[in-house]
Amino acid sequence: MMNLSQKTCQIDDIYLRNDTFSVLLRLGIFVVFKFKTKGKCILLKGLHKEGVFRAIFERRDVRQFNSKPIPNESLEKILLAGHHAPSVGFMQPWNFILVTSEEIKERLAWAADKERRALAIHYEGERANQFLNLKIEGIRQAPLTICITCDPTRGGSHVLGRNSIPETDILSTACAIQNMWLASYAEGLAMGWVSFYKKNDVRDILNIPPHIEPVALLSIGYTDQYPTVPILETANWEKRRSLNELIFYEAWDSPDQENSTLLEKIVKEVEPLNPSNRGEGSSGV
């Protein structure tokens, strides 16, 4: 793999035109900016703005992969995106274990399937059959699985913000996962988050120290079947809830009709950017 720093530059104290920024992105150059904005916000417009929302709306949890190899440059961008996630106290608690060995992938798939069968006892009748028919992982198919971990000791005993809310280290790692998902979409790759496993099984397979948390197994690769809607929605397992039902104002369980009306207006403005509402398939892969 290439040295990431070879494609990273820093530009201080300038305003950058959108077309220049686009060229840099096409060249695969990641730019760290220090803007002198004089109190002004730097806003995304047009295609840049639509691209952000399109990635958010179209990103899917994928379980089907083909054998096409992942370009090194795409992988490096995905890892860099994860590493640039926000973290409480700037603790950056993550590590990335890259797994391509067929033997190790087989063992990880075994751990996931063992947990799937164990969890089936929580469902009865048709729901149990529906659960067992769900494809919960694509570890064997995907050319790469990344185990992203969280080190709760990183930053020492007193990390800004974590003393009050200890679980912010896991939450920060989740931000890295979201960044990697969006970056995978931008690179035309599919990603699937595997969460069915006993942590100690994964620790044993990957030689992870006892104090390190294996937060997620992320399978990455190209796919011939990129879903246009969430897989669990297609399987009638769950559906997306209405945003209005999830927002309260000033206190828990306190709806506000005036603000709800404003929210509905905003949703109508943003929703057209969702390709599924335009009758399009996904262009993520």
Foldseek 3Di string as FASTA:
>chain_A
DDDLVVQEDEDEADDDDPVVVVVSVVVLHHYDYHYPQVPDDDDDDDPRVLLVLQLVQQQEADAFFADDDDDPSLVVQLQVLLQPFDAALNLSFKDKDKDQDLVLLVLVVVQLVVLLVVCLVVDDDPVSVLSVPDRQHNSNRFRIKIFMKGQLQRPHDDRHPCVVPVCSRVVRSVRSVVSSSSSCLVVLKHKHWHDRGDQVSVCVSVVPDPRMGRNTIIGMHHHPCRFLDYPCVVSVNDDDDDPQVVDAPPDPPHHDVVVSVVVVVVCVVSVVSHVVVVVDGDPSD
